[in-house]
PDB file of N, CA and C in Angstrom:
ATOM      1  N   MET A   1       0.547  37.185 -55.039  1.00  0.00           N
ATOM      2  CA  MET A   1       1.359  38.191 -55.658  1.00  0.00           C
ATOM      3  C   MET A   1       0.491  39.221 -56.364  1.00  0.00           C
ATOM      4  N   ALA A   2      -0.559  38.768 -57.001  1.00  0.00           N
ATOM      5  CA  ALA A   2      -1.447  39.684 -57.720  1.00  0.00           C
ATOM      6  C   ALA A   2      -2.087  40.700 -56.778  1.00  0.00           C
ATOM      7  N   ALA A   3      -2.418  40.248 -55.571  1.00  0.00           N
ATOM      8  CA  ALA A   3      -3.032  41.175 -54.609  1.00  0.00           C
ATOM      9  C   ALA A   3      -2.068  42.290 -54.239  1.00  0.00           C
ATOM     10  N   LEU A   4      -0.799  41.962 -54.095  1.00  0.00           N
ATOM     11  CA  LEU A   4       0.201  42.977 -53.750  1.00  0.00           C
ATOM     12  C   LEU A   4       0.469  43.911 -54.919  1.00  0.00           C
ATOM     13  N   THR A   5       0.607  43.366 -56.127  1.00  0.00           N
ATOM     14  CA  THR A   5       0.872  44.235 -57.274  1.00  0.00           C
ATOM     15  C   THR A   5      -0.328  45.112 -57.593  1.00  0.00           C
ATOM     16  N   SER A   6      -1.537  44.580 -57.428  1.00  0.00           N
ATOM     17  CA  SER A   6      -2.715  45.407 -57.684  1.00  0.00           C
ATOM     18  C   SER A   6      -2.876  46.497 -56.633  1.00  0.00           C
ATOM     19  N   ALA A   7      -2.271  46.292 -55.453  1.00  0.00           N
ATOM     20  CA  ALA A   7      -2.270  47.333 -54.411  1.00  0.00           C
ATOM     21  C   ALA A   7      -1.130  48.323 -54.623  1.00  0.00           C
ATOM     22  N   GLY A   8      -0.328  48.109 -55.702  1.00  0.00           N
ATOM     23  CA  GLY A   8       0.721  49.053 -56.044  1.00  0.00           C
ATOM     24  C   GLY A   8       2.101  48.709 -55.524  1.00  0.00           C
ATOM     25  N   HIS A   9       2.268  47.540 -54.933  1.00  0.00           N
ATOM     26  CA  HIS A   9       3.567  47.143 -54.393  1.00  0.00           C
ATOM     27  C   HIS A   9       4.418  46.461 -55.469  1.00  0.00           C
ATOM     28  N   LYS A  10       5.720  46.645 -55.371  1.00  0.00           N
ATOM     29  CA  LYS A  10       6.658  45.941 -56.238  1.00  0.00           C
ATOM     30  C   LYS A  10       6.958  44.602 -55.579  1.00  0.00           C
ATOM     31  N   VAL A  11       6.898  43.528 -56.333  1.00  0.00           N
ATOM     32  CA  VAL A  11       7.079  42.187 -55.788  1.00  0.00           C
ATOM     33  C   VAL A  11       8.260  41.510 -56.474  1.00  0.00           C
ATOM     34  N   THR A  12       9.112  40.899 -55.677  1.00  0.00           N
ATOM     35  CA  THR A  12      10.207  40.089 -56.180  1.00  0.00           C
ATOM     36  C   THR A  12      10.065  38.721 -55.541  1.00  0.00           C
ATOM     37  N   THR A  13      10.141  37.665 -56.334  1.00  0.00           N
ATOM     38  CA  THR A  13      10.008  36.315 -55.777  1.00  0.00           C
ATOM     39  C   THR A  13      11.373  35.655 -55.659  1.00  0.00           C
ATOM     40  N   GLN A  14      11.489  34.832 -54.640  1.00  0.00           N
ATOM     41  CA  GLN A  14      12.702  34.058 -54.402  1.00  0.00           C
ATOM     42  C   GLN A  14      12.304  32.690 -53.880  1.00  0.00           C
ATOM     43  N   LYS A  15      13.044  31.680 -54.282  1.00  0.00           N
ATOM     44  CA  LYS A  15      12.818  30.337 -53.759  1.00  0.00           C
ATOM     45  C   LYS A  15      13.405  30.282 -52.344  1.00  0.00           C
ATOM     46  N   ILE A  16      12.663  29.645 -51.428  1.00  0.00           N
ATOM     47  CA  ILE A  16      13.144  29.485 -50.057  1.00  0.00           C
ATOM     48  C   ILE A  16      13.228  28.007 -49.725  1.00  0.00           C
ATOM     49  N   GLN A  17      13.890  27.690 -48.639  1.00  0.00           N
ATOM     50  CA  GLN A  17      14.135  26.296 -48.265  1.00  0.00           C
ATOM     51  C   GLN A  17      12.948  25.635 -47.566  1.00  0.00           C
ATOM     52  N   LYS A  18      11.975  26.403 -47.133  1.00  0.00           N
ATOM     53  CA  LYS A  18      10.841  25.846 -46.398  1.00  0.00           C
ATOM     54  C   LYS A  18       9.791  25.312 -47.364  1.00  0.00           C
ATOM     55  N   ASP A  19       9.297  24.111 -47.106  1.00  0.00           N
ATOM     56  CA  ASP A  19       8.241  23.521 -47.927  1.00  0.00           C
ATOM     57  C   ASP A  19       6.909  24.205 -47.644  1.00  0.00           C
ATOM     58  N   ASN A  20       6.150  24.447 -48.705  1.00  0.00           N
ATOM     59  CA  ASN A  20       4.783  24.989 -48.593  1.00  0.00           C
ATOM     60  C   ASN A  20       4.708  26.309 -47.835  1.00  0.00           C
ATOM     61  N   ALA A  21       5.760  27.101 -47.883  1.00  0.00           N
ATOM     62  CA  ALA A  21       5.770  28.356 -47.144  1.00  0.00           C
ATOM     63  C   ALA A  21       5.725  29.550 -48.089  1.00  0.00           C
ATOM     64  N   CYS A  22       5.069  30.580 -47.636  1.00  0.00           N
ATOM     65  CA  CYS A  22       5.080  31.866 -48.313  1.00  0.00           C
ATOM     66  C   CYS A  22       5.498  32.871 -47.249  1.00  0.00           C
ATOM     67  N   GLU A  23       6.533  33.635 -47.522  1.00  0.00           N
ATOM     68  CA  GLU A  23       7.012  34.640 -46.571  1.00  0.00           C
ATOM     69  C   GLU A  23       7.133  35.974 -47.295  1.00  0.00           C
ATOM     70  N   LEU A  24       6.655  37.023 -46.657  1.00  0.00           N
ATOM     71  CA  LEU A  24       6.744  38.366 -47.224  1.00  0.00           C
ATOM     72  C   LEU A  24       7.698  39.193 -46.380  1.00  0.00           C
ATOM     73  N   TYR A  25       8.675  39.764 -47.037  1.00  0.00           N
ATOM     74  CA  TYR A  25       9.675  40.594 -46.375  1.00  0.00           C
ATOM     75  C   TYR A  25       9.586  42.017 -46.902  1.00  0.00           C
ATOM     76  N   VAL A  26       9.762  42.974 -46.017  1.00  0.00           N
ATOM     77  CA  VAL A  26       9.882  44.372 -46.385  1.00  0.00           C
ATOM     78  C   VAL A  26      11.168  44.873 -45.756  1.00  0.00           C
ATOM     79  N   ASP A  27      12.073  45.363 -46.589  1.00  0.00           N
ATOM     80  CA  ASP A  27      13.376  45.825 -46.112  1.00  0.00           C
ATOM     81  C   ASP A  27      14.051  44.781 -45.228  1.00  0.00           C
ATOM     82  N   SER A  28      14.077  43.548 -45.697  1.00  0.00           N
ATOM     83  CA  SER A  28      14.722  42.405 -45.040  1.00  0.00           C
ATOM     84  C   SER A  28      14.063  41.977 -43.734  1.00  0.00           C
ATOM     85  N   GLU A  29      12.879  42.492 -43.432  1.00  0.00           N
ATOM     86  CA  GLU A  29      12.156  42.112 -42.206  1.00  0.00           C
ATOM     87  C   GLU A  29      10.931  41.283 -42.587  1.00  0.00           C
ATOM     88  N   LEU A  30      10.786  40.110 -41.961  1.00  0.00           N
ATOM     89  CA  LEU A  30       9.615  39.275 -42.205  1.00  0.00           C
ATOM     90  C   LEU A  30       8.380  39.962 -41.630  1.00  0.00           C
ATOM     91  N   VAL A  31       7.401  40.230 -42.489  1.00  0.00           N
ATOM     92  CA  VAL A  31       6.189  40.922 -42.022  1.00  0.00           C
ATOM     93  C   VAL A  31       4.949  40.042 -42.080  1.00  0.00           C
ATOM     94  N   TRP A  32       5.028  38.919 -42.824  1.00  0.00           N
ATOM     95  CA  TRP A  32       3.862  38.035 -42.930  1.00  0.00           C
ATOM     96  C   TRP A  32       4.314  36.699 -43.473  1.00  0.00           C
ATOM     97  N   SER A  33       3.690  35.621 -43.024  1.00  0.00           N
ATOM     98  CA  SER A  33       3.991  34.296 -43.559  1.00  0.00           C
ATOM     99  C   SER A  33       2.755  33.419 -43.445  1.00  0.00           C
ATOM    100  N   CYS A  34       2.733  32.365 -44.265  1.00  0.00           N
ATOM    101  CA  CYS A  34       1.625  31.416 -44.201  1.00  0.00           C
ATOM    102  C   CYS A  34       2.055  30.107 -44.840  1.00  0.00           C
ATOM    103  N   ASN A  35       1.229  29.102 -44.656  1.00  0.00           N
ATOM    104  CA  ASN A  35       1.382  27.824 -45.329  1.00  0.00           C
ATOM    105  C   ASN A  35       0.579  27.933 -46.622  1.00  0.00           C
ATOM    106  N   ILE A  36       1.245  27.803 -47.763  1.00  0.00           N
ATOM    107  CA  ILE A  36       0.549  28.023 -49.034  1.00  0.00           C
ATOM    108  C   ILE A  36      -0.539  27.001 -49.325  1.00  0.00           C
ATOM    109  N   THR A  37      -0.527  25.887 -48.628  1.00  0.00           N
ATOM    110  CA  THR A  37      -1.587  24.902 -48.850  1.00  0.00           C
ATOM    111  C   THR A  37      -2.922  25.378 -48.282  1.00  0.00           C
ATOM    112  N   GLU A  38      -2.919  26.472 -47.514  1.00  0.00           N
ATOM    113  CA  GLU A  38      -4.157  27.023 -46.964  1.00  0.00           C
ATOM    114  C   GLU A  38      -4.940  27.841 -48.001  1.00  0.00           C
ATOM    115  N   PHE A  39      -4.274  28.201 -49.121  1.00  0.00           N
ATOM    116  CA  PHE A  39      -4.971  28.927 -50.170  1.00  0.00           C
ATOM    117  C   PHE A  39      -5.849  27.959 -50.951  1.00  0.00           C
ATOM    118  N   LYS A  40      -7.024  28.424 -51.316  1.00  0.00           N
ATOM    119  CA  LYS A  40      -7.919  27.605 -52.129  1.00  0.00           C
ATOM    120  C   LYS A  40      -7.626  27.891 -53.597  1.00  0.00           C
ATOM    121  N   GLN A  41      -7.781  26.870 -54.430  1.00  0.00           N
ATOM    122  CA  GLN A  41      -7.581  27.062 -55.856  1.00  0.00           C
ATOM    123  C   GLN A  41      -8.523  28.135 -56.368  1.00  0.00           C
ATOM    124  N   GLY A  42      -7.984  29.038 -57.166  1.00  0.00           N
ATOM    125  CA  GLY A  42      -8.790  30.113 -57.726  1.00  0.00           C
ATOM    126  C   GLY A  42      -8.943  31.297 -56.789  1.00  0.00           C
ATOM    127  N   ALA A  43      -8.203  31.323 -55.701  1.00  0.00           N
ATOM    128  CA  ALA A  43      -8.290  32.449 -54.769  1.00  0.00           C
ATOM    129  C   ALA A  43      -7.909  33.738 -55.498  1.00  0.00           C
ATOM    130  N   ASN A  44      -8.589  34.818 -55.148  1.00  0.00           N
ATOM    131  CA  ASN A  44      -8.278  36.095 -55.777  1.00  0.00           C
ATOM    132  C   ASN A  44      -7.885  37.110 -54.709  1.00  0.00           C
ATOM    133  N   ALA A  45      -7.722  38.350 -55.108  1.00  0.00           N
ATOM    134  CA  ALA A  45      -7.236  39.398 -54.202  1.00  0.00           C
ATOM    135  C   ALA A  45      -8.159  39.630 -53.007  1.00  0.00           C
ATOM    136  N   SER A  46      -9.414  39.176 -53.069  1.00  0.00           N
ATOM    137  CA  SER A  46     -10.326  39.363 -51.945  1.00  0.00           C
ATOM    138  C   SER A  46     -10.287  38.190 -50.963  1.00  0.00           C
ATOM    139  N   HIS A  47      -9.486  37.158 -51.260  1.00  0.00           N
ATOM    140  CA  HIS A  47      -9.325  36.026 -50.339  1.00  0.00           C
ATOM    141  C   HIS A  47      -8.782  36.574 -49.016  1.00  0.00           C
ATOM    142  N   PRO A  48      -9.297  36.128 -47.874  1.00  0.00           N
ATOM    143  CA  PRO A  48      -8.862  36.673 -46.581  1.00  0.00           C
ATOM    144  C   PRO A  48      -7.347  36.636 -46.364  1.00  0.00           C
ATOM    145  N   MET A  49      -6.678  35.604 -46.860  1.00  0.00           N
ATOM    146  CA  MET A  49      -5.223  35.545 -46.673  1.00  0.00           C
ATOM    147  C   MET A  49      -4.517  36.585 -47.537  1.00  0.00           C
ATOM    148  N   CYS A  50      -5.056  36.861 -48.726  1.00  0.00           N
ATOM    149  CA  CYS A  50      -4.482  37.903 -49.580  1.00  0.00           C
ATOM    150  C   CYS A  50      -4.652  39.277 -48.940  1.00  0.00           C
ATOM    151  N   VAL A  51      -5.828  39.499 -48.404  1.00  0.00           N
ATOM    152  CA  VAL A  51      -6.100  40.773 -47.727  1.00  0.00           C
ATOM    153  C   VAL A  51      -5.162  40.936 -46.534  1.00  0.00           C
ATOM    154  N   ALA A  52      -4.965  39.868 -45.753  1.00  0.00           N
ATOM    155  CA  ALA A  52      -4.059  39.928 -44.601  1.00  0.00           C
ATOM    156  C   ALA A  52      -2.630  40.220 -45.041  1.00  0.00           C
ATOM    157  N   ALA A  53      -2.201  39.623 -46.148  1.00  0.00           N
ATOM    158  CA  ALA A  53      -0.846  39.854 -46.643  1.00  0.00           C
ATOM    159  C   ALA A  53      -0.649  41.307 -47.062  1.00  0.00           C
ATOM    160  N   VAL A  54      -1.598  41.847 -47.817  1.00  0.00           N
ATOM    161  CA  VAL A  54      -1.503  43.246 -48.245  1.00  0.00           C
ATOM    162  C   VAL A  54      -1.528  44.168 -47.031  1.00  0.00           C
ATOM    163  N   ASN A  55      -2.395  43.888 -46.066  1.00  0.00           N
ATOM    164  CA  ASN A  55      -2.461  44.724 -44.859  1.00  0.00           C
ATOM    165  C   ASN A  55      -1.154  44.694 -44.082  1.00  0.00           C
ATOM    166  N   ALA A  56      -0.511  43.528 -44.018  1.00  0.00           N
ATOM    167  CA  ALA A  56       0.763  43.413 -43.293  1.00  0.00           C
ATOM    168  C   ALA A  56       1.852  44.223 -43.979  1.00  0.00           C
ATOM    169  N   VAL A  57       1.892  44.161 -45.306  1.00  0.00           N
ATOM    170  CA  VAL A  57       2.897  44.932 -46.043  1.00  0.00           C
ATOM    171  C   VAL A  57       2.618  46.420 -45.902  1.00  0.00           C
ATOM    172  N   ASP A  58       1.351  46.814 -46.023  1.00  0.00           N
ATOM    173  CA  ASP A  58       0.987  48.231 -45.850  1.00  0.00           C
ATOM    174  C   ASP A  58       1.373  48.733 -44.458  1.00  0.00           C
ATOM    175  N   ALA A  59       1.079  47.923 -43.434  1.00  0.00           N
ATOM    176  CA  ALA A  59       1.360  48.333 -42.052  1.00  0.00           C
ATOM    177  C   ALA A  59       2.855  48.446 -41.791  1.00  0.00           C
ATOM    178  N   SER A  60       3.659  47.711 -42.543  1.00  0.00           N
ATOM    179  CA  SER A  60       5.101  47.761 -42.341  1.00  0.00           C
ATOM    180  C   SER A  60       5.734  48.964 -43.018  1.00  0.00           C
ATOM    181  N   GLY A  61       4.926  49.692 -43.778  1.00  0.00           N
ATOM    182  CA  GLY A  61       5.465  50.831 -44.496  1.00  0.00           C
ATOM    183  C   GLY A  61       6.079  50.441 -45.823  1.00  0.00           C
ATOM    184  N   GLY A  62       5.701  49.277 -46.321  1.00  0.00           N
ATOM    185  CA  GLY A  62       6.239  48.802 -47.596  1.00  0.00           C
ATOM    186  C   GLY A  62       6.040  49.809 -48.701  1.00  0.00           C
ATOM    187  N   SER A  63       7.053  50.004 -49.508  1.00  0.00           N
ATOM    188  CA  SER A  63       7.000  51.009 -50.553  1.00  0.00           C
ATOM    189  C   SER A  63       6.099  50.583 -51.705  1.00  0.00           C
ATOM    190  N   LYS A  64       5.523  51.548 -52.330  1.00  0.00           N
ATOM    191  CA  LYS A  64       4.667  51.319 -53.513  1.00  0.00           C
ATOM    192  C   LYS A  64       5.345  51.927 -54.703  1.00  0.00           C
TER     193      LYS A  64
END
């Protein structure tokens, strides 16, 4: 979430029914997802998965 907010995106979180899942939606369209257990403790905005998430939101035209 910090990677998206630091890139200027507005973030809203919601609980989902899938275990260990992270899904990013832009205008109700799924643009990126991952298994959250793949993140390493202490990961920051430069973590490859964070970069991929921000790039996916940017590519979808996500508003800032």
